[in-house]
Amino acid sequence: MPFDFETGPERGAKQRTNYYAGLNAEKSVQRHYQRQGAELREARWRGPGGEIDLILAEGERMVFVEVKKSRTHDQAAQRITARQMGRILRSAESYLGRCPKGSLTEARVDIALVDGQGKIEIIPNASMMF
């Protein structure tokens, strides 16, 4: 597959649109948390379980955020699976190993749902649902 350094791997128009819509959703969610005082530590961080969209610090608490975008919040929420949450938790555990307090660091996993109009709904501590 040819590679264009400006646009990345060749993709169909729908895949490109979805890719950039996802990036925009992540940036919107990042700004949402930053307006509340959180500090971005990592974006699209890859750990042993897979990618974590956003890692933020709220004081000493680490917040791991999975961003899902769809036409509606309900459709976005349906895209979260227990298997995916397990992968996020494995990666989050690995990240916490890099923190000064290690696994004793206060942490949570949030799900950020973004609808077609850009409205954000946060499900805090979502890992408790799986």
N, C-alpha and C. Protein backbone atom coordinates (compact mmCIF):
# COMPACT_ATOMS: atom_id res chain seq x y z
N MET A 1 0.85 -1.17 0.00
CA MET A 1 0.00 0.00 0.00
C MET A 1 0.90 1.23 0.00
N PRO A 2 0.74 2.11 -0.98
CA PRO A 2 1.58 3.32 -1.02
C PRO A 2 1.32 4.19 0.19
N PHE A 3 2.32 4.98 0.53
CA PHE A 3 2.20 5.85 1.69
C PHE A 3 2.45 7.28 1.26
N ASP A 4 1.55 8.15 1.60
CA ASP A 4 1.66 9.58 1.32
C ASP A 4 1.97 10.25 2.66
N PHE A 5 3.12 10.90 2.77
CA PHE A 5 3.54 11.47 4.04
C PHE A 5 2.63 12.58 4.53
N GLU A 6 1.81 13.15 3.66
CA GLU A 6 0.91 14.21 4.11
C GLU A 6 -0.41 13.66 4.62
N THR A 7 -0.92 12.59 4.03
CA THR A 7 -2.23 12.10 4.41
C THR A 7 -2.21 10.73 5.05
N GLY A 8 -1.05 10.06 5.12
CA GLY A 8 -0.98 8.74 5.72
C GLY A 8 -1.32 7.67 4.70
N PRO A 9 -1.55 6.45 5.18
CA PRO A 9 -1.86 5.36 4.26
C PRO A 9 -3.10 5.69 3.43
N GLU A 10 -3.13 5.20 2.21
CA GLU A 10 -4.31 5.42 1.37
C GLU A 10 -5.52 4.78 2.03
N ARG A 11 -6.61 5.50 2.05
CA ARG A 11 -7.84 5.02 2.65
C ARG A 11 -9.00 5.53 1.83
N GLY A 12 -10.14 4.88 2.01
CA GLY A 12 -11.34 5.37 1.37
C GLY A 12 -11.80 6.64 2.06
N ALA A 13 -12.65 7.38 1.38
CA ALA A 13 -13.12 8.66 1.92
C ALA A 13 -13.83 8.47 3.26
N LYS A 14 -14.63 7.43 3.41
CA LYS A 14 -15.36 7.21 4.66
C LYS A 14 -14.39 6.91 5.81
N GLN A 15 -13.37 6.09 5.55
CA GLN A 15 -12.40 5.78 6.59
C GLN A 15 -11.62 7.03 7.01
N ARG A 16 -11.26 7.86 6.03
CA ARG A 16 -10.56 9.11 6.35
C ARG A 16 -11.44 10.03 7.19
N THR A 17 -12.70 10.14 6.79
CA THR A 17 -13.64 10.98 7.52
C THR A 17 -13.78 10.49 8.96
N ASN A 18 -13.95 9.19 9.15
CA ASN A 18 -14.08 8.62 10.50
C ASN A 18 -12.81 8.84 11.31
N TYR A 19 -11.66 8.67 10.69
CA TYR A 19 -10.38 8.85 11.37
C TYR A 19 -10.26 10.28 11.90
N TYR A 20 -10.51 11.27 11.04
CA TYR A 20 -10.38 12.66 11.45
C TYR A 20 -11.49 13.07 12.42
N ALA A 21 -12.68 12.50 12.27
CA ALA A 21 -13.75 12.78 13.23
C ALA A 21 -13.35 12.27 14.61
N GLY A 22 -12.71 11.10 14.67
CA GLY A 22 -12.23 10.55 15.93
C GLY A 22 -11.16 11.43 16.56
N LEU A 23 -10.22 11.91 15.74
CA LEU A 23 -9.17 12.81 16.25
C LEU A 23 -9.79 14.09 16.81
N ASN A 24 -10.75 14.65 16.08
CA ASN A 24 -11.41 15.87 16.54
C ASN A 24 -12.17 15.63 17.85
N ALA A 25 -12.81 14.47 17.96
CA ALA A 25 -13.53 14.13 19.19
C ALA A 25 -12.55 14.05 20.36
N GLU A 26 -11.39 13.43 20.14
CA GLU A 26 -10.39 13.32 21.21
C GLU A 26 -9.90 14.71 21.64
N LYS A 27 -9.66 15.59 20.68
CA LYS A 27 -9.22 16.95 21.01
C LYS A 27 -10.29 17.70 21.80
N SER A 28 -11.55 17.54 21.41
CA SER A 28 -12.65 18.20 22.13
C SER A 28 -12.73 17.70 23.57
N VAL A 29 -12.60 16.39 23.74
CA VAL A 29 -12.65 15.82 25.09
C VAL A 29 -11.45 16.30 25.90
N GLN A 30 -10.29 16.35 25.28
CA GLN A 30 -9.08 16.85 25.96
C GLN A 30 -9.32 18.27 26.46
N ARG A 31 -9.86 19.14 25.62
CA ARG A 31 -10.14 20.52 26.03
C ARG A 31 -11.17 20.57 27.16
N HIS A 32 -12.16 19.68 27.09
CA HIS A 32 -13.19 19.60 28.13
C HIS A 32 -12.55 19.34 29.50
N TYR A 33 -11.66 18.36 29.56
CA TYR A 33 -10.99 18.04 30.82
C TYR A 33 -10.05 19.17 31.25
N GLN A 34 -9.34 19.77 30.30
CA GLN A 34 -8.41 20.84 30.64
C GLN A 34 -9.14 22.07 31.18
N ARG A 35 -10.34 22.34 30.68
CA ARG A 35 -11.13 23.46 31.21
C ARG A 35 -11.49 23.22 32.67
N GLN A 36 -11.53 21.96 33.08
CA GLN A 36 -11.84 21.61 34.47
C GLN A 36 -10.57 21.48 35.31
N GLY A 37 -9.43 21.83 34.72
CA GLY A 37 -8.19 21.85 35.48
C GLY A 37 -7.29 20.64 35.32
N ALA A 38 -7.69 19.67 34.52
CA ALA A 38 -6.85 18.49 34.31
C ALA A 38 -5.67 18.83 33.40
N GLU A 39 -4.60 18.10 33.58
CA GLU A 39 -3.39 18.30 32.79
C GLU A 39 -3.16 17.08 31.90
N LEU A 40 -3.01 17.32 30.61
CA LEU A 40 -2.77 16.22 29.68
C LEU A 40 -1.38 15.65 29.92
N ARG A 41 -1.31 14.34 30.10
CA ARG A 41 -0.02 13.65 30.23
C ARG A 41 0.34 12.93 28.94
N GLU A 42 -0.64 12.27 28.33
CA GLU A 42 -0.39 11.51 27.10
C GLU A 42 -1.65 11.51 26.24
N ALA A 43 -1.45 11.48 24.94
CA ALA A 43 -2.55 11.28 23.99
C ALA A 43 -2.18 10.10 23.12
N ARG A 44 -3.13 9.20 22.95
CA ARG A 44 -2.93 8.00 22.13
C ARG A 44 -1.73 7.18 22.61
N TRP A 45 -1.66 6.98 23.91
CA TRP A 45 -0.56 6.24 24.51
C TRP A 45 -0.79 4.75 24.31
N ARG A 46 0.23 4.06 23.87
CA ARG A 46 0.11 2.63 23.60
C ARG A 46 0.82 1.84 24.68
N GLY A 47 0.05 0.99 25.35
CA GLY A 47 0.57 0.10 26.38
C GLY A 47 0.42 -1.34 25.93
N PRO A 48 0.71 -2.29 26.81
CA PRO A 48 0.67 -3.70 26.43
C PRO A 48 -0.74 -4.20 26.08
N GLY A 49 -1.76 -3.53 26.58
CA GLY A 49 -3.13 -3.94 26.27
C GLY A 49 -3.70 -3.22 25.06
N GLY A 50 -3.04 -2.18 24.62
CA GLY A 50 -3.54 -1.39 23.50
C GLY A 50 -3.48 0.09 23.81
N GLU A 51 -4.12 0.86 22.96
CA GLU A 51 -4.04 2.31 23.05
C GLU A 51 -5.04 2.88 24.05
N ILE A 52 -4.58 3.89 24.79
CA ILE A 52 -5.46 4.69 25.64
C ILE A 52 -5.52 6.06 24.98
N ASP A 53 -6.74 6.53 24.70
CA ASP A 53 -6.90 7.78 23.96
C ASP A 53 -6.28 8.97 24.68
N LEU A 54 -6.62 9.15 25.96
CA LEU A 54 -6.11 10.29 26.73
C LEU A 54 -5.73 9.84 28.13
N ILE A 55 -4.61 10.35 28.61
CA ILE A 55 -4.23 10.16 30.01
C ILE A 55 -4.02 11.56 30.58
N LEU A 56 -4.78 11.84 31.63
CA LEU A 56 -4.75 13.16 32.24
C LEU A 56 -4.47 13.04 33.73
N ALA A 57 -3.99 14.13 34.30
CA ALA A 57 -3.78 14.19 35.75
C ALA A 57 -4.71 15.23 36.33
N GLU A 58 -5.41 14.83 37.38
CA GLU A 58 -6.21 15.74 38.18
C GLU A 58 -5.55 15.78 39.55
N GLY A 59 -4.61 16.69 39.71
CA GLY A 59 -3.78 16.66 40.92
C GLY A 59 -2.93 15.41 40.87
N GLU A 60 -3.05 14.56 41.90
CA GLU A 60 -2.29 13.31 41.93
C GLU A 60 -3.05 12.14 41.31
N ARG A 61 -4.31 12.32 40.97
CA ARG A 61 -5.13 11.26 40.39
C ARG A 61 -4.89 11.19 38.88
N MET A 62 -4.72 9.98 38.38
CA MET A 62 -4.59 9.77 36.94
C MET A 62 -5.96 9.38 36.39
N VAL A 63 -6.30 9.95 35.24
CA VAL A 63 -7.57 9.65 34.59
C VAL A 63 -7.27 9.13 33.19
N PHE A 64 -7.72 7.91 32.93
CA PHE A 64 -7.55 7.27 31.63
C PHE A 64 -8.88 7.38 30.91
N VAL A 65 -8.85 7.93 29.70
CA VAL A 65 -10.10 8.24 29.00
C VAL A 65 -10.15 7.52 27.66
N GLU A 66 -11.24 6.79 27.45
CA GLU A 66 -11.55 6.18 26.16
C GLU A 66 -12.61 7.06 25.51
N VAL A 67 -12.35 7.54 24.31
CA VAL A 67 -13.27 8.43 23.60
C VAL A 67 -14.00 7.62 22.53
N LYS A 68 -15.32 7.74 22.51
CA LYS A 68 -16.13 7.08 21.49
C LYS A 68 -17.02 8.13 20.84
N LYS A 69 -17.01 8.17 19.52
CA LYS A 69 -17.82 9.11 18.77
C LYS A 69 -18.79 8.37 17.87
N SER A 70 -20.01 8.83 17.86
CA SER A 70 -21.02 8.29 16.96
C SER A 70 -22.12 9.33 16.81
N ARG A 71 -23.13 9.02 16.02
CA ARG A 71 -24.22 9.98 15.82
C ARG A 71 -24.91 10.36 17.11
N THR A 72 -25.08 9.36 17.99
CA THR A 72 -25.73 9.61 19.28
C THR A 72 -24.85 9.06 20.39
N HIS A 73 -25.08 9.53 21.60
CA HIS A 73 -24.34 9.01 22.75
C HIS A 73 -24.64 7.54 22.95
N ASP A 74 -25.90 7.14 22.75
CA ASP A 74 -26.26 5.72 22.91
C ASP A 74 -25.49 4.84 21.93
N GLN A 75 -25.40 5.27 20.68
CA GLN A 75 -24.65 4.48 19.70
C GLN A 75 -23.17 4.41 20.07
N ALA A 76 -22.62 5.50 20.56
CA ALA A 76 -21.21 5.52 20.97
C ALA A 76 -21.00 4.56 22.15
N ALA A 77 -21.91 4.58 23.12
CA ALA A 77 -21.78 3.71 24.29
C ALA A 77 -21.84 2.23 23.92
N GLN A 78 -22.62 1.91 22.91
CA GLN A 78 -22.76 0.51 22.48
C GLN A 78 -21.46 -0.04 21.89
N ARG A 79 -20.54 0.83 21.54
CA ARG A 79 -19.29 0.40 20.93
C ARG A 79 -18.23 0.01 21.95
N ILE A 80 -18.53 0.16 23.25
CA ILE A 80 -17.60 -0.22 24.30
C ILE A 80 -17.87 -1.67 24.68
N THR A 81 -16.84 -2.48 24.68
CA THR A 81 -17.00 -3.89 25.05
C THR A 81 -16.20 -4.21 26.31
N ALA A 82 -16.58 -5.28 26.97
CA ALA A 82 -15.85 -5.72 28.15
C ALA A 82 -14.41 -6.08 27.77
N ARG A 83 -14.23 -6.68 26.62
CA ARG A 83 -12.88 -7.04 26.16
C ARG A 83 -12.02 -5.78 25.98
N GLN A 84 -12.61 -4.76 25.37
CA GLN A 84 -11.88 -3.50 25.17
C GLN A 84 -11.54 -2.87 26.52
N MET A 85 -12.47 -2.88 27.45
CA MET A 85 -12.21 -2.31 28.77
C MET A 85 -11.08 -3.08 29.45
N GLY A 86 -11.04 -4.38 29.29
CA GLY A 86 -9.95 -5.18 29.85
C GLY A 86 -8.60 -4.76 29.28
N ARG A 87 -8.55 -4.50 27.99
CA ARG A 87 -7.30 -4.05 27.36
C ARG A 87 -6.88 -2.68 27.89
N ILE A 88 -7.85 -1.80 28.05
CA ILE A 88 -7.56 -0.46 28.58
C ILE A 88 -7.00 -0.58 30.01
N LEU A 89 -7.62 -1.43 30.81
CA LEU A 89 -7.16 -1.61 32.19
C LEU A 89 -5.75 -2.17 32.25
N ARG A 90 -5.42 -3.10 31.34
CA ARG A 90 -4.04 -3.63 31.30
C ARG A 90 -3.04 -2.54 30.97
N SER A 91 -3.38 -1.71 29.99
CA SER A 91 -2.48 -0.62 29.63
C SER A 91 -2.40 0.41 30.75
N ALA A 92 -3.52 0.72 31.38
CA ALA A 92 -3.52 1.69 32.48
C ALA A 92 -2.64 1.19 33.63
N GLU A 93 -2.73 -0.10 33.93
CA GLU A 93 -1.89 -0.68 34.98
C GLU A 93 -0.41 -0.51 34.64
N SER A 94 -0.07 -0.73 33.39
CA SER A 94 1.32 -0.56 32.96
C SER A 94 1.75 0.90 33.11
N TYR A 95 0.88 1.83 32.73
CA TYR A 95 1.21 3.25 32.86
C TYR A 95 1.42 3.62 34.32
N LEU A 96 0.56 3.12 35.20
CA LEU A 96 0.69 3.44 36.62
C LEU A 96 2.02 2.94 37.18
N GLY A 97 2.56 1.90 36.61
CA GLY A 97 3.86 1.40 37.02
C GLY A 97 4.97 2.42 36.83
N ARG A 98 4.73 3.40 35.97
CA ARG A 98 5.71 4.47 35.72
C ARG A 98 5.53 5.64 36.67
N CYS A 99 4.46 5.67 37.43
CA CYS A 99 4.17 6.77 38.35
C CYS A 99 4.92 6.56 39.66
N PRO A 100 5.24 7.64 40.37
CA PRO A 100 6.00 7.52 41.63
C PRO A 100 5.36 6.57 42.65
N LYS A 101 4.04 6.58 42.76
CA LYS A 101 3.36 5.70 43.73
C LYS A 101 2.96 4.36 43.11
N GLY A 102 3.29 4.15 41.85
CA GLY A 102 2.97 2.89 41.19
C GLY A 102 1.48 2.58 41.24
N SER A 103 1.16 1.33 41.56
CA SER A 103 -0.24 0.91 41.57
C SER A 103 -1.03 1.52 42.72
N LEU A 104 -0.36 2.22 43.63
CA LEU A 104 -1.06 2.92 44.71
C LEU A 104 -1.55 4.29 44.27
N THR A 105 -1.23 4.69 43.05
CA THR A 105 -1.69 5.97 42.51
C THR A 105 -3.21 5.93 42.36
N GLU A 106 -3.87 6.97 42.84
CA GLU A 106 -5.31 7.06 42.66
C GLU A 106 -5.59 7.20 41.16
N ALA A 107 -6.54 6.43 40.66
CA ALA A 107 -6.81 6.43 39.22
C ALA A 107 -8.25 6.04 38.94
N ARG A 108 -8.70 6.42 37.76
CA ARG A 108 -10.01 5.97 37.29
C ARG A 108 -9.98 5.91 35.77
N VAL A 109 -10.95 5.19 35.22
CA VAL A 109 -11.12 5.11 33.77
C VAL A 109 -12.47 5.72 33.44
N ASP A 110 -12.45 6.74 32.59
CA ASP A 110 -13.69 7.39 32.13
C ASP A 110 -13.93 7.03 30.68
N ILE A 111 -15.20 7.02 30.31
CA ILE A 111 -15.58 6.91 28.91
C ILE A 111 -16.17 8.27 28.53
N ALA A 112 -15.67 8.83 27.43
CA ALA A 112 -16.20 10.10 26.92
C ALA A 112 -16.95 9.81 25.63
N LEU A 113 -18.23 10.09 25.64
CA LEU A 113 -19.08 9.87 24.47
C LEU A 113 -19.28 11.21 23.76
N VAL A 114 -19.08 11.21 22.45
CA VAL A 114 -19.23 12.43 21.67
C VAL A 114 -20.26 12.15 20.58
N ASP A 115 -21.32 12.97 20.51
CA ASP A 115 -22.35 12.74 19.49
C ASP A 115 -22.04 13.53 18.22
N GLY A 116 -22.91 13.40 17.24
CA GLY A 116 -22.71 14.03 15.94
C GLY A 116 -22.66 15.55 15.98
N GLN A 117 -23.20 16.16 17.03
CA GLN A 117 -23.16 17.61 17.17
C GLN A 117 -21.96 18.06 18.01
N GLY A 118 -21.17 17.12 18.47
CA GLY A 118 -20.00 17.45 19.27
C GLY A 118 -20.26 17.55 20.76
N LYS A 119 -21.49 17.23 21.19
CA LYS A 119 -21.81 17.27 22.62
C LYS A 119 -21.10 16.10 23.31
N ILE A 120 -20.49 16.41 24.46
CA ILE A 120 -19.70 15.42 25.21
C ILE A 120 -20.47 14.98 26.44
N GLU A 121 -20.50 13.68 26.65
CA GLU A 121 -21.05 13.10 27.88
C GLU A 121 -19.97 12.22 28.48
N ILE A 122 -19.63 12.45 29.74
CA ILE A 122 -18.59 11.70 30.43
C ILE A 122 -19.24 10.65 31.33
N ILE A 123 -18.77 9.42 31.23
CA ILE A 123 -19.17 8.37 32.16
C ILE A 123 -17.95 8.14 33.05
N PRO A 124 -17.97 8.72 34.27
CA PRO A 124 -16.81 8.57 35.14
C PRO A 124 -16.73 7.18 35.74
N ASN A 125 -15.51 6.72 35.99
CA ASN A 125 -15.28 5.43 36.62
C ASN A 125 -15.98 4.30 35.89
N ALA A 126 -15.96 4.35 34.57
CA ALA A 126 -16.70 3.41 33.75
C ALA A 126 -16.22 1.97 33.89
N SER A 127 -14.99 1.78 34.32
CA SER A 127 -14.48 0.41 34.45
C SER A 127 -15.29 -0.39 35.46
N MET A 128 -15.97 0.29 36.37
CA MET A 128 -16.79 -0.39 37.37
C MET A 128 -18.03 -1.00 36.76
N MET A 129 -18.36 -0.63 35.51
CA MET A 129 -19.57 -1.12 34.85
C MET A 129 -19.33 -2.46 34.16
N PHE A 130 -18.06 -2.86 34.03
CA PHE A 130 -17.74 -4.07 33.26
C PHE A 130 -17.26 -5.17 34.16
